[in-house]
């Protein structure tokens, strides 16, 4: 008996050595492999992937169906970081044995904005796949994103893919994927050149129906939302509202939370122009429903919800209700896709502007990389307009006028008068009207009408929303917790949204109840 333990230990060590020599994995990886296999067999694929990824067990990782978990957090880490490790470190012979899994890797890299790695993976796959069949169809569909956001150039790939799919849907690009990498503003993605908004809308209307059919609904409603945003910025509220509701219906059917957030944003903006406080509140509630859309990746729409709400609340000077990380500009604490970071930056600078932190506002704008500013005509327009606002507030009217003229050149060829009208009310007084009268006289009436409607609606809605605000003696974090609880979120959901523990949420609620002299959360409403 005394010798048996030693014999067992020797045998175990020999087996471990064999595994180490054959797989390249350290002996400590055996436990991770066994734990990963148990998770896999129990159907907990994200947990299994996290365990396999920790020891770079690539064969085990590729044996999983990666498509449904591409945009989940794997052990707190977004999948795209695992995808980048695969692209850079997985042995070539293993990668080439799993083309479908590598298509999933390529798609995750593209959504995360890692274009160089995305292109390399696609090139390697394209050289080896058959010229027909479902894998070539998947490759064509994913490869169309080399041309994103130029949908007219994406369309030939999508049409060719459709012929090869032969009525089937993609198993790589699923409706759960965050549309436009989480960007709820379609103008910020697809309006590339001044004066081309209508043509771009037509290209989207040709692209989206076919693409959505091949992907089980991905992008449903994006074309209608683009039309709604175009009409809104032209001051055509009736058309904007019709298209927004159309987009909402299509997005609901396709389970597209990001597009639903975009439609709710447009409807909230329209409600402001109509001085419709109840319509504004309905739109804000619709944002919460969108962020909880069944079947969607949880963390992307929830971050997008913070940014879209932050933007509209800052506009109404409801700064205490904006998420703390947006006010602080603390973007490093969250794994944001590039488009999500741009939206967060927009909400942050609007907050700074309304706080009167003008020099910080300008400094933050000047730090934005040129490729972000010039990503689209619409993003460049917003940058130039914000710079005009900042310098006007500093009393530097000459510099403000220069930025304003360049901003107008990006917006007014499409008739986008609304943002210029909004900014002319308090800050760019006289400058914008003089510019439009001299250079764009046919738009003067639309500009004047939009400015008057916004001024009336903003005052009415700001007072109506402020009346429903929580008392000032609540801290900013207590306001956040109370508002989320009032909207019906459970403690666990609030904790996940705010990145705190449930115990912290419960502690905040006890303090809130005491300060408001209430005994249950239902009374927060």
Protein backbone atom coordinates (compact mmCIF):
# COMPACT_ATOMS: atom_id res chain seq x y z
CA UNK A 1 0.00 0.00 0.00
CA UNK A 2 2.86 2.34 0.83
CA UNK A 3 4.11 2.21 -2.75
CA UNK A 4 0.76 2.76 -4.44
CA UNK A 5 0.47 6.52 -4.00
CA UNK A 6 3.88 6.98 -5.53
CA UNK A 7 2.98 4.74 -8.45
CA UNK A 8 -0.20 6.76 -9.07
CA UNK A 9 1.69 10.02 -8.90
CA UNK A 10 4.27 8.75 -11.36
CA UNK A 11 1.57 7.62 -13.78
CA UNK A 12 -0.24 10.97 -13.52
CA UNK A 13 2.97 12.88 -14.13
CA UNK A 14 3.76 10.78 -17.19
CA UNK A 15 0.27 11.41 -18.66
CA UNK A 16 0.61 15.10 -17.93
CA UNK A 17 3.97 15.19 -19.64
CA UNK A 18 2.52 13.46 -22.70
CA UNK A 19 -0.24 16.09 -22.87
CA UNK A 20 2.23 18.90 -22.46
CA UNK A 21 4.44 17.58 -25.22
CA UNK A 22 1.60 16.87 -27.63
CA UNK A 23 -0.44 20.04 -27.20
CA UNK A 24 1.99 22.67 -26.01
CA UNK A 25 -0.29 23.41 -23.03
CA UNK A 26 1.18 23.61 -19.54
CA UNK A 27 0.26 21.04 -16.94
CA UNK A 28 -1.89 23.67 -15.13
CA UNK A 29 -4.16 23.78 -18.17
CA UNK A 30 -5.62 20.34 -17.49
CA UNK A 31 -8.02 21.70 -14.89
CA UNK A 32 -9.16 24.44 -17.26
CA UNK A 33 -9.74 21.88 -19.99
CA UNK A 34 -11.82 19.66 -17.73
CA UNK A 35 -13.79 22.63 -16.38
CA UNK A 36 -14.34 23.91 -19.90
CA UNK A 37 -15.56 20.52 -21.06
CA UNK A 38 -18.03 20.38 -18.16
CA UNK A 39 -19.37 23.83 -19.07
CA UNK A 40 -19.60 22.85 -22.72
CA UNK A 41 -21.50 19.65 -21.92
CA UNK A 42 -23.89 21.66 -19.72
CA UNK A 43 -24.57 24.11 -22.57
CA UNK A 44 -22.71 27.02 -20.93
CA UNK A 45 -20.71 27.81 -24.03
CA UNK A 46 -19.55 31.30 -23.07
CA UNK A 47 -18.05 29.95 -19.84
CA UNK A 48 -16.44 27.09 -21.73
CA UNK A 49 -14.95 29.50 -24.24
CA UNK A 50 -13.49 31.64 -21.47
CA UNK A 51 -11.77 28.63 -19.92
CA UNK A 52 -10.42 27.41 -23.24
CA UNK A 53 -9.27 30.89 -24.25
CA UNK A 54 -7.33 31.25 -21.01
CA UNK A 55 -5.04 28.40 -22.05
CA UNK A 56 -5.32 28.94 -25.82
CA UNK A 57 -6.99 25.60 -26.41
CA UNK A 58 -7.88 26.60 -29.96
CA UNK A 59 -9.21 23.24 -31.15
CA UNK A 60 -11.64 23.15 -28.24
CA UNK A 61 -12.66 26.76 -28.92
CA UNK A 62 -13.37 26.04 -32.57
CA UNK A 63 -15.46 23.00 -31.67
CA UNK A 64 -17.98 25.40 -30.07
CA UNK A 65 -20.62 27.23 -32.09
CA UNK A 66 -19.17 30.72 -31.80
CA UNK A 67 -21.90 32.65 -33.66
CA UNK A 68 -24.35 33.07 -30.73
CA UNK A 69 -21.64 34.25 -28.32
CA UNK A 70 -19.63 36.59 -30.55
CA UNK A 71 -20.85 39.72 -28.77
CA UNK A 72 -21.09 38.46 -25.22
CA UNK A 73 -18.56 39.14 -22.54
CA UNK A 74 -16.45 36.07 -21.94
CA UNK A 75 -15.34 36.11 -18.32
CA UNK A 76 -15.77 39.87 -18.36
CA UNK A 77 -13.82 40.22 -21.62
CA UNK A 78 -15.52 41.08 -24.92
CA UNK A 79 -15.16 38.31 -27.48
CA UNK A 80 -13.33 40.55 -29.95
CA UNK A 81 -10.23 40.44 -27.74
CA UNK A 82 -10.28 36.66 -27.93
CA UNK A 83 -10.83 36.94 -31.69
CA UNK A 84 -7.73 39.13 -32.00
CA UNK A 85 -5.68 36.57 -30.06
CA UNK A 86 -6.90 33.85 -32.44
CA UNK A 87 -6.00 35.93 -35.49
CA UNK A 88 -2.52 36.68 -34.17
CA UNK A 89 -1.50 33.51 -32.34
CA UNK A 90 -3.52 30.49 -33.43
CA UNK A 91 -1.35 28.16 -35.55
CA UNK A 92 -2.13 28.38 -39.26
CA UNK A 93 -2.91 24.68 -39.63
CA UNK A 94 -5.56 24.89 -36.90
CA UNK A 95 -7.12 28.06 -38.36
CA UNK A 96 -7.33 26.53 -41.79
CA UNK A 97 -9.13 23.48 -40.46
CA UNK A 98 -12.02 25.60 -39.15
CA UNK A 99 -13.14 28.07 -41.87
CA UNK A 100 -16.59 28.75 -40.42
CA UNK A 101 -15.17 29.57 -37.00
CA UNK A 102 -12.63 31.88 -38.63
CA UNK A 103 -15.46 33.67 -40.45
CA UNK A 104 -16.98 34.30 -37.02
CA UNK A 105 -13.63 35.62 -35.84
CA UNK A 106 -13.40 37.93 -38.86
CA UNK A 107 -16.92 39.28 -38.27
CA UNK A 108 -16.20 39.99 -34.58
CA UNK A 109 -13.01 41.82 -35.55
CA UNK A 110 -14.87 44.00 -38.05
CA UNK A 111 -17.60 44.97 -35.58
CA UNK A 112 -14.87 45.97 -33.11
CA UNK A 113 -13.22 48.20 -35.72
CA UNK A 114 -10.09 46.03 -36.03
CA UNK A 115 -10.01 46.36 -39.80
CA UNK A 116 -6.43 45.27 -40.45
CA UNK A 117 -6.87 41.94 -38.64
CA UNK A 118 -10.29 41.54 -40.26
CA UNK A 119 -8.79 41.91 -43.73
CA UNK A 120 -5.98 39.44 -43.09
CA UNK A 121 -8.34 36.74 -41.87
CA UNK A 122 -10.63 37.24 -44.87
CA UNK A 123 -7.76 37.15 -47.35
CA UNK A 124 -6.49 33.87 -45.94
CA UNK A 125 -9.96 32.33 -46.08
CA UNK A 126 -10.72 33.65 -49.57
CA UNK A 127 -7.73 31.86 -51.07
CA UNK A 128 -8.84 28.44 -49.83
CA UNK A 129 -12.65 28.29 -49.96
CA UNK A 130 -14.52 26.67 -52.84
CA UNK A 131 -16.08 29.07 -55.32
CA UNK A 132 -19.57 27.88 -54.42
CA UNK A 133 -21.47 26.56 -51.44
CA UNK A 134 -22.54 28.00 -48.08
CA UNK A 135 -19.04 28.84 -46.83
CA UNK A 136 -18.32 30.94 -49.91
CA UNK A 137 -21.72 32.63 -49.41
CA UNK A 138 -20.77 33.45 -45.80
CA UNK A 139 -17.39 34.74 -46.93
CA UNK A 140 -19.01 36.99 -49.54
CA UNK A 141 -21.46 38.36 -46.99
CA UNK A 142 -18.77 39.14 -44.41
CA UNK A 143 -16.45 40.46 -47.14
CA UNK A 144 -19.10 43.00 -48.13
CA UNK A 145 -18.07 44.84 -44.95
CA UNK A 146 -14.76 45.76 -46.57
CA UNK A 147 -16.85 48.48 -48.25
CA UNK A 148 -18.92 49.53 -45.22
CA UNK A 149 -20.60 52.04 -45.02
CA UNK A 150 -20.81 52.44 -48.82
CA UNK A 151 -23.88 50.25 -49.27
CA UNK A 152 -23.95 50.63 -53.07
CA UNK A 153 -20.50 48.97 -53.11
CA UNK A 154 -21.56 46.31 -50.57
CA UNK A 155 -24.57 45.29 -52.64
CA UNK A 156 -22.82 43.20 -55.37
CA UNK A 157 -21.27 40.93 -52.72
CA UNK A 158 -24.62 40.56 -50.98
CA UNK A 159 -26.40 39.69 -54.22
CA UNK A 160 -23.79 37.06 -55.06
CA UNK A 161 -24.08 35.65 -51.55
CA UNK A 162 -27.87 35.50 -51.86
CA UNK A 163 -27.56 33.30 -54.95
CA UNK A 164 -25.25 30.89 -53.13
CA UNK A 165 -27.34 30.80 -49.92
CA UNK A 166 -30.25 29.61 -52.06
CA UNK A 167 -32.93 30.72 -49.60
CA UNK A 168 -30.95 29.95 -46.41
CA UNK A 169 -29.78 32.51 -43.82
CA UNK A 170 -26.30 33.27 -42.61
CA UNK A 171 -25.01 31.31 -39.63
CA UNK A 172 -22.26 33.86 -39.01
CA UNK A 173 -24.00 37.26 -39.11
CA UNK A 174 -26.98 36.86 -36.81
CA UNK A 175 -29.62 39.41 -35.77
CA UNK A 176 -28.06 39.50 -32.27
CA UNK A 177 -25.03 41.36 -33.65
CA UNK A 178 -25.03 45.07 -32.76
CA UNK A 179 -26.02 47.00 -35.87
CA UNK A 180 -23.41 49.56 -36.94
CA UNK A 181 -21.26 48.49 -33.98
CA UNK A 182 -23.79 49.99 -31.59
CA UNK A 183 -24.30 53.37 -33.34
CA UNK A 184 -27.94 54.41 -33.10
CA UNK A 185 -27.52 57.40 -35.50
CA UNK A 186 -27.73 56.35 -39.14
CA UNK A 187 -26.67 59.75 -40.48
CA UNK A 188 -23.43 59.39 -38.53
CA UNK A 189 -22.78 56.10 -40.33
CA UNK A 190 -24.15 56.48 -43.85
CA UNK A 191 -24.26 60.20 -44.74
CA UNK A 192 -20.87 60.40 -46.39
CA UNK A 193 -20.99 63.38 -48.75
CA UNK A 194 -22.80 66.74 -48.57
CA UNK A 195 -25.75 66.95 -50.94
CA UNK A 196 -26.03 63.17 -51.27
CA UNK A 197 -28.47 62.31 -48.47
CA UNK A 198 -31.34 61.36 -50.78
CA UNK A 199 -29.13 59.20 -52.98
CA UNK A 200 -27.66 57.54 -49.88
CA UNK A 201 -31.19 56.87 -48.61
CA UNK A 202 -32.07 55.18 -51.90
CA UNK A 203 -28.94 53.01 -51.73
CA UNK A 204 -29.85 51.94 -48.19
CA UNK A 205 -33.40 51.13 -49.29
CA UNK A 206 -31.99 48.83 -51.95
CA UNK A 207 -29.43 47.22 -49.65
CA UNK A 208 -31.22 46.70 -46.33
CA UNK A 209 -34.18 44.47 -47.41
CA UNK A 210 -31.92 41.91 -49.13
CA UNK A 211 -29.22 42.02 -46.47
CA UNK A 212 -31.74 41.69 -43.62
CA UNK A 213 -33.35 38.70 -45.30
CA UNK A 214 -29.98 36.93 -45.51
CA UNK A 215 -29.13 37.65 -41.86
CA UNK A 216 -32.44 36.86 -40.17
CA UNK A 217 -33.24 40.52 -39.56
CA UNK A 218 -29.89 42.22 -38.92
CA UNK A 219 -30.25 45.92 -39.78
CA UNK A 220 -34.04 45.79 -40.17
CA UNK A 221 -35.43 49.32 -40.19
CA UNK A 222 -32.10 51.09 -40.72
CA UNK A 223 -33.18 52.49 -44.09
CA UNK A 224 -36.41 53.92 -42.65
CA UNK A 225 -34.52 55.37 -39.67
CA UNK A 226 -32.08 57.10 -42.05
CA UNK A 227 -35.05 58.66 -43.83
CA UNK A 228 -36.52 59.74 -40.48
CA UNK A 229 -33.27 61.44 -39.45
CA UNK A 230 -32.98 63.20 -42.82
CA UNK A 231 -36.55 64.54 -42.55
CA UNK A 232 -36.02 65.60 -38.93
CA UNK A 233 -32.88 67.60 -39.75
CA UNK A 234 -34.77 69.30 -42.58
CA UNK A 235 -37.47 70.32 -40.12
CA UNK A 236 -40.12 68.07 -41.76
CA UNK A 237 -41.59 66.62 -38.57
CA UNK A 238 -44.58 64.81 -40.12
CA UNK A 239 -42.38 62.83 -42.52
CA UNK A 240 -39.81 62.19 -39.79
CA UNK A 241 -42.45 60.80 -37.45
CA UNK A 242 -43.93 58.49 -40.10
CA UNK A 243 -40.52 57.05 -40.97
CA UNK A 244 -39.56 56.74 -37.29
CA UNK A 245 -42.63 54.62 -36.56
CA UNK A 246 -41.98 52.55 -39.67
CA UNK A 247 -38.39 51.97 -38.55
CA UNK A 248 -39.57 51.04 -35.04
CA UNK A 249 -41.98 48.42 -36.40
CA UNK A 250 -39.37 46.88 -38.70
CA UNK A 251 -36.71 46.91 -35.98
CA UNK A 252 -39.08 45.31 -33.47
CA UNK A 253 -39.80 42.50 -35.92
CA UNK A 254 -36.08 42.02 -36.56
CA UNK A 255 -35.11 42.32 -32.85
CA UNK A 256 -32.81 45.25 -33.56
CA UNK A 257 -32.25 47.05 -30.27
CA UNK A 258 -29.77 49.62 -31.59
CA UNK A 259 -32.18 50.74 -34.32
CA UNK A 260 -35.02 50.85 -31.79
CA UNK A 261 -32.89 53.18 -29.68
CA UNK A 262 -32.37 55.37 -32.73
CA UNK A 263 -36.09 55.55 -33.47
CA UNK A 264 -36.84 56.44 -29.86
CA UNK A 265 -34.22 59.22 -30.03
CA UNK A 266 -35.87 60.68 -33.15
CA UNK A 267 -39.31 60.48 -31.55
CA UNK A 268 -38.01 62.22 -28.41
CA UNK A 269 -36.50 64.98 -30.57
CA UNK A 270 -39.78 65.37 -32.46
CA UNK A 271 -41.70 65.53 -29.17
CA UNK A 272 -39.47 68.41 -28.08
CA UNK A 273 -40.31 70.37 -31.23
CA UNK A 274 -44.00 69.69 -30.62
CA UNK A 275 -43.71 70.68 -26.92
CA UNK A 276 -45.17 67.24 -26.20
CA UNK A 277 -43.94 66.25 -22.74
CA UNK A 278 -45.96 63.03 -22.65
CA UNK A 279 -44.64 62.00 -26.07
CA UNK A 280 -41.11 62.70 -24.84
CA UNK A 281 -41.62 60.49 -21.79
CA UNK A 282 -43.03 57.70 -23.96
CA UNK A 283 -39.97 57.89 -26.19
CA UNK A 284 -37.64 57.70 -23.17
CA UNK A 285 -39.49 54.63 -21.89
CA UNK A 286 -39.21 53.09 -25.35
CA UNK A 287 -35.43 53.45 -25.04
CA UNK A 288 -35.45 51.26 -21.93
CA UNK A 289 -37.53 48.63 -23.73
CA UNK A 290 -35.15 48.73 -26.68
CA UNK A 291 -32.15 48.11 -24.43
CA UNK A 292 -33.88 45.00 -23.09
CA UNK A 293 -34.89 43.66 -26.52
CA UNK A 294 -35.09 39.82 -26.27
CA UNK A 295 -32.26 37.92 -27.88
CA UNK A 296 -29.90 40.89 -28.06
CA UNK A 297 -26.41 41.10 -26.65
CA UNK A 298 -26.95 42.78 -23.28
CA UNK A 299 -24.00 45.11 -22.76
CA UNK A 300 -24.01 46.91 -26.13
CA UNK A 301 -27.58 48.33 -26.05
CA UNK A 302 -27.25 49.19 -22.37
CA UNK A 303 -24.17 51.32 -23.02
CA UNK A 304 -25.92 52.80 -26.06
CA UNK A 305 -28.91 53.58 -23.82
CA UNK A 306 -26.69 55.56 -21.46
CA UNK A 307 -25.30 57.60 -24.35
CA UNK A 308 -28.59 58.37 -26.10
CA UNK A 309 -30.27 59.34 -22.84
CA UNK A 310 -27.24 61.36 -21.85
CA UNK A 311 -27.49 63.37 -25.07
CA UNK A 312 -31.18 64.25 -24.72
CA UNK A 313 -30.97 64.92 -20.98
CA UNK A 314 -27.99 67.24 -21.41
CA UNK A 315 -29.93 69.16 -24.04
CA UNK A 316 -32.74 69.74 -21.51
CA UNK A 317 -30.22 70.66 -18.79
CA UNK A 318 -31.06 67.59 -16.72
CA UNK A 319 -27.39 66.99 -15.89
CA UNK A 320 -28.04 65.19 -12.60
CA UNK A 321 -29.78 62.38 -14.48
CA UNK A 322 -26.89 61.64 -16.86
CA UNK A 323 -24.77 58.53 -16.25
CA UNK A 324 -21.70 59.42 -14.21
CA UNK A 325 -19.19 57.84 -16.60
CA UNK A 326 -20.46 60.05 -19.43
CA UNK A 327 -20.16 63.19 -17.35
CA UNK A 328 -16.61 62.26 -16.35
CA UNK A 329 -15.59 61.13 -19.83
CA UNK A 330 -14.49 57.85 -18.25
CA UNK A 331 -14.57 55.74 -21.40
CA UNK A 332 -11.71 53.43 -20.43
CA UNK A 333 -13.84 51.67 -17.80
CA UNK A 334 -16.03 50.15 -20.53
CA UNK A 335 -15.10 48.06 -23.57
CA UNK A 336 -16.56 50.31 -26.27
CA UNK A 337 -16.63 49.70 -30.00
CA UNK A 338 -15.39 52.77 -31.94
CA UNK A 339 -18.90 53.90 -32.92
CA UNK A 340 -20.07 53.58 -29.31
CA UNK A 341 -17.09 55.62 -28.14
CA UNK A 342 -18.00 58.36 -30.64
CA UNK A 343 -21.58 58.45 -29.33
CA UNK A 344 -20.32 58.60 -25.76
CA UNK A 345 -17.99 61.43 -26.71
CA UNK A 346 -20.92 63.33 -28.24
CA UNK A 347 -22.95 63.00 -25.03
CA UNK A 348 -19.91 64.03 -22.96
CA UNK A 349 -19.17 67.21 -24.91
CA UNK A 350 -22.85 68.24 -24.91
CA UNK A 351 -22.74 67.82 -21.12
CA UNK A 352 -19.59 69.98 -20.90
CA UNK A 353 -21.19 72.65 -23.06
CA UNK A 354 -24.29 72.82 -20.90
CA UNK A 355 -22.14 72.91 -17.77
CA UNK A 356 -20.41 76.00 -19.13
CA UNK A 357 -16.98 74.28 -19.24
CA UNK A 358 -16.17 75.96 -22.55
CA UNK A 359 -12.38 75.63 -22.59
CA UNK A 360 -12.60 71.94 -21.66
CA UNK A 361 -15.30 71.55 -24.32
CA UNK A 362 -13.02 73.01 -27.03
CA UNK A 363 -9.95 71.16 -25.80
CA UNK A 364 -11.79 67.84 -25.87
CA UNK A 365 -13.02 68.51 -29.40
CA UNK A 366 -9.52 69.41 -30.60
CA UNK A 367 -8.19 66.12 -29.22
CA UNK A 368 -10.49 64.04 -31.45
CA UNK A 369 -8.49 62.26 -34.18
CA UNK A 370 -9.01 63.56 -37.72
CA UNK A 371 -10.18 60.17 -39.00
CA UNK A 372 -13.02 60.26 -36.47
CA UNK A 373 -13.99 63.82 -37.36
CA UNK A 374 -13.98 63.12 -41.10
CA UNK A 375 -15.58 59.69 -40.88
CA UNK A 376 -18.76 61.04 -42.52
CA UNK A 377 -20.12 64.39 -43.68
CA UNK A 378 -22.48 64.39 -40.71
CA UNK A 379 -19.79 63.75 -38.09
CA UNK A 380 -17.64 66.50 -39.60
CA UNK A 381 -20.63 68.87 -39.58
CA UNK A 382 -21.23 68.27 -35.86
CA UNK A 383 -17.55 68.83 -35.05
CA UNK A 384 -17.43 72.12 -36.98
CA UNK A 385 -20.70 73.31 -35.45
CA UNK A 386 -19.51 72.52 -31.92
CA UNK A 387 -16.26 74.39 -32.56
CA UNK A 388 -18.27 77.39 -33.75
CA UNK A 389 -20.33 77.23 -30.55
CA UNK A 390 -17.24 77.05 -28.37
CA UNK A 391 -15.44 80.00 -29.92
CA UNK A 392 -18.63 82.05 -29.94
CA UNK A 393 -18.98 81.48 -26.20
CA UNK A 394 -15.38 82.66 -25.75
CA UNK A 395 -16.30 85.86 -27.59
CA UNK A 396 -14.13 85.00 -30.62
CA UNK A 397 -16.75 85.75 -33.24
CA UNK A 398 -14.37 85.69 -36.20
CA UNK A 399 -13.20 82.14 -35.52
CA UNK A 400 -16.78 81.10 -34.74
CA UNK A 401 -17.95 82.49 -38.09
CA UNK A 402 -15.24 80.55 -39.96
CA UNK A 403 -16.20 77.25 -38.32
CA UNK A 404 -19.88 78.00 -38.86
CA UNK A 405 -19.38 78.62 -42.59
CA UNK A 406 -17.60 75.27 -42.97
CA UNK A 407 -20.31 73.53 -40.93
CA UNK A 408 -23.04 75.01 -43.11
CA UNK A 409 -21.24 73.74 -46.22
CA UNK A 410 -21.53 70.20 -44.84
CA UNK A 411 -25.21 70.47 -43.82
CA UNK A 412 -27.12 72.90 -45.98
CA UNK A 413 -26.63 71.22 -49.39
CA UNK A 414 -29.01 68.59 -47.95
CA UNK A 415 -31.32 71.16 -46.35
CA UNK A 416 -30.25 70.23 -42.80
CA UNK A 417 -31.31 73.43 -41.06
CA UNK A 418 -32.38 72.12 -37.67
CA UNK A 419 -29.09 71.80 -35.77
CA UNK A 420 -28.01 75.18 -37.10
CA UNK A 421 -31.33 76.65 -35.95
CA UNK A 422 -30.94 75.12 -32.48
CA UNK A 423 -27.44 76.53 -32.03
CA UNK A 424 -28.44 79.97 -33.28
CA UNK A 425 -30.98 80.60 -30.52
CA UNK A 426 -28.67 81.41 -27.63
CA UNK A 427 -25.09 81.12 -28.84
CA UNK A 428 -24.61 81.94 -32.51
CA UNK A 429 -27.03 84.85 -32.49
CA UNK A 430 -27.06 86.63 -35.82
CA UNK A 431 -24.15 84.70 -37.35
CA UNK A 432 -26.19 81.80 -38.66
CA UNK A 433 -29.07 83.87 -39.96
CA UNK A 434 -26.71 86.24 -41.79
CA UNK A 435 -24.88 83.31 -43.35
CA UNK A 436 -28.06 81.62 -44.57
CA UNK A 437 -29.53 84.86 -45.88
CA UNK A 438 -26.39 85.54 -47.92
CA UNK A 439 -25.44 82.06 -49.15
CA UNK A 440 -28.52 79.85 -48.79
CA UNK A 441 -31.53 82.18 -49.13
CA UNK A 442 -33.90 79.40 -50.26
CA UNK A 443 -33.50 77.79 -46.82
CA UNK A 444 -34.13 80.92 -44.78
CA UNK A 445 -37.84 80.23 -44.21
CA UNK A 446 -37.22 76.60 -43.14
CA UNK A 447 -34.42 77.80 -40.83
CA UNK A 448 -36.57 80.51 -39.23
CA UNK A 449 -39.50 78.13 -38.72
CA UNK A 450 -37.28 75.46 -37.18
CA UNK A 451 -35.67 77.97 -34.82
CA UNK A 452 -39.04 79.25 -33.59
CA UNK A 453 -40.45 75.75 -33.07
CA UNK A 454 -37.38 74.59 -31.19
CA UNK A 455 -37.31 77.62 -28.91
CA UNK A 456 -40.94 77.18 -27.87
CA UNK A 457 -40.68 73.39 -27.53
CA UNK A 458 -37.43 73.50 -25.55
CA UNK A 459 -38.78 75.90 -22.95
CA UNK A 460 -42.07 74.02 -22.56
CA UNK A 461 -40.49 70.58 -22.39
CA UNK A 462 -37.63 71.58 -20.10
CA UNK A 463 -40.07 72.90 -17.50
CA UNK A 464 -42.38 69.89 -17.86
CA UNK A 465 -39.53 67.40 -17.47
CA UNK A 466 -37.98 69.35 -14.61
CA UNK A 467 -41.24 69.15 -12.66
CA UNK A 468 -40.92 65.39 -12.71
CA UNK A 469 -37.27 65.42 -11.67
CA UNK A 470 -36.22 63.91 -8.36
CA UNK A 471 -35.38 66.17 -5.39
CA UNK A 472 -32.02 67.86 -5.41
CA UNK A 473 -30.91 66.30 -2.10
CA UNK A 474 -30.39 62.95 -3.78
CA UNK A 475 -26.83 62.37 -4.97
CA UNK A 476 -26.18 61.83 -8.68
CA UNK A 477 -25.77 58.08 -8.15
CA UNK A 478 -28.94 57.94 -5.99
CA UNK A 479 -30.81 59.71 -8.80
CA UNK A 480 -29.55 57.12 -11.27
CA UNK A 481 -30.66 54.22 -9.04
CA UNK A 482 -34.04 55.82 -8.25
CA UNK A 483 -34.82 56.58 -11.91
CA UNK A 484 -33.92 53.05 -13.01
CA UNK A 485 -36.00 51.55 -10.20
CA UNK A 486 -38.92 53.82 -11.15
CA UNK A 487 -38.70 52.48 -14.69
CA UNK A 488 -39.23 48.94 -13.39
CA UNK A 489 -35.68 47.55 -13.46
CA UNK A 490 -34.85 44.90 -10.86
CA UNK A 491 -31.92 45.29 -8.49
CA UNK A 492 -29.76 42.93 -10.53
CA UNK A 493 -30.50 44.83 -13.74
CA UNK A 494 -29.68 48.15 -12.06
CA UNK A 495 -26.44 46.70 -10.71
CA UNK A 496 -25.42 45.50 -14.18
CA UNK A 497 -26.31 48.84 -15.78
CA UNK A 498 -24.30 50.85 -13.23
CA UNK A 499 -21.47 48.33 -12.82
CA UNK A 500 -22.00 47.93 -9.07
CA UNK A 501 -23.11 45.06 -6.81
CA UNK A 502 -26.69 44.29 -5.89
CA UNK A 503 -25.82 45.04 -2.26
CA UNK A 504 -24.79 48.55 -3.31
CA UNK A 505 -28.10 49.00 -5.14
CA UNK A 506 -30.05 47.87 -2.07
CA UNK A 507 -28.09 50.30 0.12
CA UNK A 508 -28.83 53.17 -2.25
CA UNK A 509 -32.52 52.29 -2.30
CA UNK A 510 -32.71 52.32 1.52
CA UNK A 511 -31.19 55.82 1.52
CA UNK A 512 -33.52 56.97 -1.27
CA UNK A 513 -36.62 55.69 0.55
CA UNK A 514 -35.52 57.51 3.69
CA UNK A 515 -34.86 60.82 1.88
CA UNK A 516 -38.14 60.68 -0.03
CA UNK A 517 -40.10 59.40 2.96
CA UNK A 518 -41.54 56.42 1.07
CA UNK A 519 -41.68 52.73 1.96
CA UNK A 520 -41.46 50.91 -1.39
CA UNK A 521 -40.10 51.35 -4.89
CA UNK A 522 -43.53 51.52 -6.54
CA UNK A 523 -43.92 55.02 -5.04
CA UNK A 524 -40.88 56.24 -6.99
CA UNK A 525 -43.14 56.45 -10.04
